[in-house]
Amino acid sequence: MNFKECERNLSERFDVLAKREDNWDGYDSKKPTKLTLVRAENLIGELFDSIISAGHPWITPFISSDEDGNVTVEWYEEERQLHLQIGEDEVEYIQVWGTNIDTEMHVDFFSRDNYLTLWKWLIDG
């Protein structure tokens, strides 16, 4: 997928989220705020640029929102998963490589310092 196709694909996904209202799922879930959406879209664009500039392949993520109005971004590569939870004030990531929450998952804050390390883990194992 080239940059323009990726940009269009991501833009379409964020357009869907921007149209959500509170209780969008029938379970009183909050809609993402404009600030959260802008922050998420900018972060994913920055992440895409970093990954492509480093010569790594891009995997199109699944993008949605959760019950608290955070934007969720998920990548799946074989048994590995990388999830981002993007809110107005912070971004957390979850690495998953199995089903045991104590020994096969890791949660931490996402930052520019760990973009490529996490991506290499996802695609290379």
N, C-alpha and C. Protein backbone atom coordinates (compact mmCIF):
# COMPACT_ATOMS: atom_id res chain seq x y z
N MET A 1 0.85 -1.18 0.00
CA MET A 1 0.00 0.00 0.00
C MET A 1 0.90 1.24 0.00
N ASN A 2 0.65 2.16 -0.92
CA ASN A 2 1.47 3.37 -0.95
C ASN A 2 0.94 4.41 0.05
N PHE A 3 1.67 5.49 0.19
CA PHE A 3 1.34 6.50 1.18
C PHE A 3 -0.05 7.08 0.97
N LYS A 4 -0.40 7.41 -0.27
CA LYS A 4 -1.71 8.02 -0.55
C LYS A 4 -2.86 7.06 -0.21
N GLU A 5 -2.70 5.79 -0.56
CA GLU A 5 -3.74 4.80 -0.25
C GLU A 5 -3.89 4.64 1.26
N CYS A 6 -2.76 4.59 1.94
CA CYS A 6 -2.79 4.45 3.39
C CYS A 6 -3.44 5.67 4.03
N GLU A 7 -3.06 6.85 3.56
CA GLU A 7 -3.62 8.09 4.10
C GLU A 7 -5.13 8.13 3.90
N ARG A 8 -5.60 7.74 2.73
CA ARG A 8 -7.03 7.72 2.43
C ARG A 8 -7.76 6.70 3.31
N ASN A 9 -7.17 5.52 3.46
CA ASN A 9 -7.75 4.47 4.28
C ASN A 9 -7.88 4.92 5.73
N LEU A 10 -6.82 5.50 6.29
CA LEU A 10 -6.86 5.98 7.67
C LEU A 10 -7.86 7.12 7.83
N SER A 11 -7.89 8.03 6.87
CA SER A 11 -8.82 9.15 6.92
C SER A 11 -10.26 8.67 6.94
N GLU A 12 -10.58 7.65 6.14
CA GLU A 12 -11.93 7.10 6.12
C GLU A 12 -12.29 6.50 7.47
N ARG A 13 -11.35 5.82 8.10
CA ARG A 13 -11.61 5.21 9.40
C ARG A 13 -11.87 6.29 10.47
N PHE A 14 -11.09 7.35 10.43
CA PHE A 14 -11.29 8.42 11.40
C PHE A 14 -12.58 9.19 11.14
N ASP A 15 -13.00 9.29 9.88
CA ASP A 15 -14.29 9.92 9.56
C ASP A 15 -15.45 9.16 10.21
N VAL A 16 -15.37 7.84 10.21
CA VAL A 16 -16.40 7.01 10.84
C VAL A 16 -16.45 7.31 12.34
N LEU A 17 -15.29 7.37 12.98
CA LEU A 17 -15.25 7.65 14.42
C LEU A 17 -15.78 9.04 14.74
N ALA A 18 -15.48 10.00 13.88
CA ALA A 18 -15.92 11.38 14.11
C ALA A 18 -17.44 11.52 14.07
N LYS A 19 -18.12 10.60 13.40
CA LYS A 19 -19.59 10.65 13.29
C LYS A 19 -20.30 9.95 14.45
N ARG A 20 -19.54 9.30 15.31
CA ARG A 20 -20.16 8.59 16.43
C ARG A 20 -20.75 9.58 17.43
N GLU A 21 -21.83 9.16 18.03
CA GLU A 21 -22.47 9.90 19.11
C GLU A 21 -22.30 9.11 20.40
N ASP A 22 -22.53 9.75 21.54
CA ASP A 22 -22.54 9.00 22.79
C ASP A 22 -23.55 7.86 22.67
N ASN A 23 -23.27 6.75 23.32
CA ASN A 23 -24.10 5.55 23.27
C ASN A 23 -24.11 4.93 21.86
N TRP A 24 -23.02 5.10 21.13
CA TRP A 24 -22.93 4.63 19.74
C TRP A 24 -23.11 3.12 19.61
N ASP A 25 -22.86 2.38 20.68
CA ASP A 25 -22.96 0.93 20.63
C ASP A 25 -24.14 0.37 21.41
N GLY A 26 -24.97 1.26 21.98
CA GLY A 26 -26.11 0.81 22.77
C GLY A 26 -25.76 0.43 24.20
N TYR A 27 -24.50 0.67 24.59
CA TYR A 27 -24.03 0.33 25.94
C TYR A 27 -23.48 1.55 26.68
N ASP A 28 -23.98 2.73 26.36
CA ASP A 28 -23.58 4.00 26.98
C ASP A 28 -22.11 4.37 26.76
N SER A 29 -21.50 3.84 25.71
CA SER A 29 -20.12 4.20 25.41
C SER A 29 -20.04 5.64 24.94
N LYS A 30 -18.95 6.31 25.33
CA LYS A 30 -18.75 7.70 24.94
C LYS A 30 -18.17 7.79 23.53
N LYS A 31 -18.50 8.86 22.86
CA LYS A 31 -17.88 9.11 21.56
C LYS A 31 -16.50 9.71 21.79
N PRO A 32 -15.57 9.51 20.87
CA PRO A 32 -14.27 10.15 21.01
C PRO A 32 -14.41 11.67 20.84
N THR A 33 -13.67 12.43 21.63
CA THR A 33 -13.69 13.89 21.49
C THR A 33 -12.89 14.29 20.25
N LYS A 34 -13.10 15.51 19.79
CA LYS A 34 -12.34 16.01 18.64
C LYS A 34 -10.85 16.01 18.95
N LEU A 35 -10.48 16.39 20.18
CA LEU A 35 -9.08 16.40 20.58
C LEU A 35 -8.47 14.99 20.51
N THR A 36 -9.21 13.99 20.99
CA THR A 36 -8.72 12.61 20.93
C THR A 36 -8.55 12.16 19.49
N LEU A 37 -9.51 12.47 18.64
CA LEU A 37 -9.43 12.08 17.23
C LEU A 37 -8.24 12.74 16.53
N VAL A 38 -8.03 14.03 16.76
CA VAL A 38 -6.90 14.73 16.15
C VAL A 38 -5.58 14.13 16.65
N ARG A 39 -5.51 13.91 17.94
CA ARG A 39 -4.29 13.34 18.52
C ARG A 39 -4.01 11.95 17.93
N ALA A 40 -5.04 11.13 17.83
CA ALA A 40 -4.88 9.78 17.29
C ALA A 40 -4.47 9.80 15.82
N GLU A 41 -5.13 10.63 15.04
CA GLU A 41 -4.81 10.69 13.61
C GLU A 41 -3.37 11.19 13.40
N ASN A 42 -2.97 12.19 14.16
CA ASN A 42 -1.60 12.69 14.05
C ASN A 42 -0.59 11.63 14.47
N LEU A 43 -0.88 10.93 15.55
CA LEU A 43 0.03 9.90 16.04
C LEU A 43 0.20 8.77 15.02
N ILE A 44 -0.90 8.31 14.45
CA ILE A 44 -0.82 7.22 13.48
C ILE A 44 -0.07 7.68 12.23
N GLY A 45 -0.28 8.92 11.81
CA GLY A 45 0.47 9.46 10.68
C GLY A 45 1.96 9.52 10.97
N GLU A 46 2.31 9.95 12.17
CA GLU A 46 3.71 10.02 12.58
C GLU A 46 4.32 8.62 12.66
N LEU A 47 3.57 7.69 13.20
CA LEU A 47 4.03 6.31 13.30
C LEU A 47 4.25 5.73 11.90
N PHE A 48 3.32 5.95 11.00
CA PHE A 48 3.45 5.48 9.63
C PHE A 48 4.74 6.03 9.00
N ASP A 49 4.95 7.34 9.13
CA ASP A 49 6.14 7.97 8.56
C ASP A 49 7.42 7.36 9.13
N SER A 50 7.46 7.14 10.45
CA SER A 50 8.64 6.57 11.09
C SER A 50 8.92 5.16 10.60
N ILE A 51 7.88 4.37 10.48
CA ILE A 51 8.04 2.97 10.05
C ILE A 51 8.50 2.89 8.61
N ILE A 52 7.88 3.64 7.73
CA ILE A 52 8.25 3.63 6.32
C ILE A 52 9.66 4.20 6.13
N SER A 53 9.98 5.28 6.83
CA SER A 53 11.31 5.88 6.73
C SER A 53 12.40 4.92 7.18
N ALA A 54 12.09 4.06 8.13
CA ALA A 54 13.06 3.07 8.63
C ALA A 54 13.14 1.84 7.72
N GLY A 55 12.30 1.80 6.67
CA GLY A 55 12.35 0.71 5.71
C GLY A 55 11.53 -0.52 6.09
N HIS A 56 10.64 -0.36 7.04
CA HIS A 56 9.81 -1.49 7.47
C HIS A 56 8.47 -1.48 6.72
N PRO A 57 7.86 -2.64 6.55
CA PRO A 57 6.52 -2.68 5.93
C PRO A 57 5.46 -2.16 6.89
N TRP A 58 4.43 -1.58 6.35
CA TRP A 58 3.30 -1.08 7.12
C TRP A 58 2.18 -2.11 7.10
N ILE A 59 1.57 -2.34 8.23
CA ILE A 59 0.40 -3.20 8.34
C ILE A 59 -0.78 -2.29 8.68
N THR A 60 -1.81 -2.31 7.87
CA THR A 60 -2.97 -1.46 8.14
C THR A 60 -3.65 -1.92 9.43
N PRO A 61 -3.87 -1.00 10.37
CA PRO A 61 -4.46 -1.38 11.64
C PRO A 61 -5.99 -1.39 11.61
N PHE A 62 -6.54 -2.06 12.60
CA PHE A 62 -7.97 -1.96 12.89
C PHE A 62 -8.12 -0.76 13.82
N ILE A 63 -9.01 0.17 13.50
CA ILE A 63 -9.19 1.39 14.30
C ILE A 63 -10.63 1.48 14.74
N SER A 64 -10.83 1.74 16.04
CA SER A 64 -12.17 1.89 16.59
C SER A 64 -12.08 2.81 17.80
N SER A 65 -13.09 2.77 18.64
CA SER A 65 -13.06 3.50 19.91
C SER A 65 -13.62 2.59 20.98
N ASP A 66 -13.29 2.91 22.23
CA ASP A 66 -13.76 2.08 23.33
C ASP A 66 -14.86 2.79 24.11
N GLU A 67 -15.29 2.16 25.19
CA GLU A 67 -16.41 2.69 25.99
C GLU A 67 -16.11 4.02 26.66
N ASP A 68 -14.83 4.35 26.82
CA ASP A 68 -14.44 5.62 27.46
C ASP A 68 -14.17 6.73 26.47
N GLY A 69 -14.32 6.45 25.18
CA GLY A 69 -14.08 7.46 24.15
C GLY A 69 -12.64 7.53 23.68
N ASN A 70 -11.81 6.57 24.10
CA ASN A 70 -10.44 6.49 23.60
C ASN A 70 -10.46 5.89 22.20
N VAL A 71 -9.51 6.28 21.38
CA VAL A 71 -9.35 5.65 20.07
C VAL A 71 -8.46 4.43 20.28
N THR A 72 -8.89 3.30 19.74
CA THR A 72 -8.12 2.07 19.84
C THR A 72 -7.58 1.71 18.46
N VAL A 73 -6.31 1.34 18.43
CA VAL A 73 -5.64 0.97 17.19
C VAL A 73 -4.99 -0.38 17.43
N GLU A 74 -5.24 -1.33 16.53
CA GLU A 74 -4.78 -2.70 16.77
C GLU A 74 -4.14 -3.29 15.52
N TRP A 75 -2.98 -3.94 15.75
CA TRP A 75 -2.30 -4.66 14.69
C TRP A 75 -2.15 -6.11 15.12
N TYR A 76 -2.28 -7.02 14.17
CA TYR A 76 -2.16 -8.45 14.43
C TYR A 76 -1.15 -9.03 13.44
N GLU A 77 -0.18 -9.74 13.95
CA GLU A 77 0.83 -10.40 13.11
C GLU A 77 1.16 -11.75 13.73
N GLU A 78 0.58 -12.80 13.13
CA GLU A 78 0.70 -14.16 13.66
C GLU A 78 0.20 -14.18 15.11
N GLU A 79 1.01 -14.65 16.07
CA GLU A 79 0.53 -14.71 17.45
C GLU A 79 0.76 -13.41 18.22
N ARG A 80 1.39 -12.44 17.59
CA ARG A 80 1.67 -11.16 18.26
C ARG A 80 0.60 -10.12 17.93
N GLN A 81 0.28 -9.32 18.94
CA GLN A 81 -0.67 -8.22 18.77
C GLN A 81 -0.09 -6.98 19.43
N LEU A 82 -0.35 -5.83 18.81
CA LEU A 82 0.02 -4.55 19.39
C LEU A 82 -1.22 -3.68 19.39
N HIS A 83 -1.59 -3.21 20.57
CA HIS A 83 -2.79 -2.39 20.73
C HIS A 83 -2.39 -1.03 21.29
N LEU A 84 -2.93 0.04 20.72
CA LEU A 84 -2.75 1.38 21.27
C LEU A 84 -4.10 1.86 21.78
N GLN A 85 -4.07 2.53 22.92
CA GLN A 85 -5.27 3.16 23.47
C GLN A 85 -4.92 4.64 23.60
N ILE A 86 -5.52 5.44 22.74
CA ILE A 86 -5.18 6.86 22.62
C ILE A 86 -6.29 7.69 23.24
N GLY A 87 -5.93 8.43 24.28
CA GLY A 87 -6.86 9.34 24.93
C GLY A 87 -6.41 10.77 24.76
N GLU A 88 -7.12 11.69 25.37
CA GLU A 88 -6.75 13.10 25.26
C GLU A 88 -5.41 13.40 25.90
N ASP A 89 -5.07 12.69 26.99
CA ASP A 89 -3.89 13.03 27.77
C ASP A 89 -2.72 12.06 27.65
N GLU A 90 -2.99 10.82 27.23
CA GLU A 90 -1.91 9.84 27.18
C GLU A 90 -2.21 8.74 26.19
N VAL A 91 -1.16 8.00 25.87
CA VAL A 91 -1.28 6.86 24.96
C VAL A 91 -0.61 5.67 25.65
N GLU A 92 -1.35 4.60 25.76
CA GLU A 92 -0.81 3.37 26.31
C GLU A 92 -0.75 2.32 25.21
N TYR A 93 0.17 1.37 25.37
CA TYR A 93 0.21 0.25 24.45
C TYR A 93 0.14 -1.05 25.23
N ILE A 94 -0.34 -2.06 24.54
CA ILE A 94 -0.38 -3.42 25.09
C ILE A 94 0.25 -4.34 24.04
N GLN A 95 1.28 -5.05 24.46
CA GLN A 95 1.87 -6.10 23.63
C GLN A 95 1.25 -7.41 24.09
N VAL A 96 0.82 -8.23 23.14
CA VAL A 96 0.21 -9.51 23.48
C VAL A 96 0.89 -10.59 22.64
N TRP A 97 1.34 -11.66 23.30
CA TRP A 97 1.94 -12.79 22.58
C TRP A 97 1.40 -14.13 23.09
N GLY A 98 0.32 -14.09 23.85
CA GLY A 98 -0.33 -15.28 24.36
C GLY A 98 -1.57 -14.89 25.14
N THR A 99 -2.11 -15.84 25.89
CA THR A 99 -3.36 -15.58 26.60
C THR A 99 -3.19 -15.30 28.08
N ASN A 100 -2.01 -15.52 28.64
CA ASN A 100 -1.80 -15.31 30.06
C ASN A 100 -1.49 -13.85 30.33
N ILE A 101 -2.38 -13.19 31.04
CA ILE A 101 -2.23 -11.75 31.30
C ILE A 101 -0.98 -11.42 32.13
N ASP A 102 -0.51 -12.36 32.93
CA ASP A 102 0.66 -12.12 33.78
C ASP A 102 1.99 -12.36 33.07
N THR A 103 2.03 -13.30 32.13
CA THR A 103 3.30 -13.68 31.54
C THR A 103 3.39 -13.48 30.03
N GLU A 104 2.29 -13.14 29.37
CA GLU A 104 2.30 -13.02 27.91
C GLU A 104 1.68 -11.71 27.41
N MET A 105 1.71 -10.70 28.27
CA MET A 105 1.22 -9.38 27.90
C MET A 105 2.05 -8.33 28.64
N HIS A 106 2.21 -7.19 27.99
CA HIS A 106 2.95 -6.09 28.61
C HIS A 106 2.22 -4.79 28.30
N VAL A 107 2.02 -3.96 29.32
CA VAL A 107 1.34 -2.67 29.18
C VAL A 107 2.30 -1.58 29.61
N ASP A 108 2.34 -0.48 28.84
CA ASP A 108 3.19 0.65 29.20
C ASP A 108 2.71 1.87 28.40
N PHE A 109 3.38 3.00 28.63
CA PHE A 109 3.05 4.21 27.90
C PHE A 109 3.78 4.21 26.55
N PHE A 110 3.11 4.67 25.53
CA PHE A 110 3.64 4.71 24.17
C PHE A 110 4.30 6.04 23.94
N SER A 111 5.50 6.03 23.35
CA SER A 111 6.21 7.28 23.07
C SER A 111 7.05 7.13 21.82
N ARG A 112 7.56 8.25 21.33
CA ARG A 112 8.42 8.23 20.15
C ARG A 112 9.64 7.33 20.36
N ASP A 113 10.08 7.22 21.60
CA ASP A 113 11.25 6.40 21.91
C ASP A 113 11.03 4.92 21.66
N ASN A 114 9.77 4.46 21.67
CA ASN A 114 9.56 3.02 21.51
C ASN A 114 8.80 2.64 20.23
N TYR A 115 8.54 3.59 19.33
CA TYR A 115 7.84 3.28 18.07
C TYR A 115 8.48 2.10 17.35
N LEU A 116 9.74 2.27 16.98
CA LEU A 116 10.38 1.28 16.12
C LEU A 116 10.68 -0.02 16.85
N THR A 117 11.00 0.05 18.12
CA THR A 117 11.24 -1.18 18.90
C THR A 117 9.98 -2.03 18.93
N LEU A 118 8.85 -1.41 19.20
CA LEU A 118 7.58 -2.14 19.23
C LEU A 118 7.21 -2.68 17.85
N TRP A 119 7.46 -1.89 16.82
CA TRP A 119 7.11 -2.32 15.47
C TRP A 119 7.97 -3.53 15.06
N LYS A 120 9.27 -3.46 15.36
CA LYS A 120 10.16 -4.60 15.04
C LYS A 120 9.70 -5.84 15.78
N TRP A 121 9.29 -5.69 17.05
CA TRP A 121 8.78 -6.82 17.80
C TRP A 121 7.55 -7.42 17.11
N LEU A 122 6.66 -6.54 16.64
CA LEU A 122 5.43 -7.01 16.00
C LEU A 122 5.72 -7.77 14.71
N ILE A 123 6.56 -7.22 13.86
CA ILE A 123 6.75 -7.83 12.53
C ILE A 123 7.82 -8.92 12.50
N ASP A 124 8.78 -8.86 13.42
CA ASP A 124 9.89 -9.82 13.40
C ASP A 124 9.81 -10.87 14.49
N GLY A 125 9.04 -10.59 15.52
CA GLY A 125 8.91 -11.54 16.61
C GLY A 125 10.04 -11.58 17.49
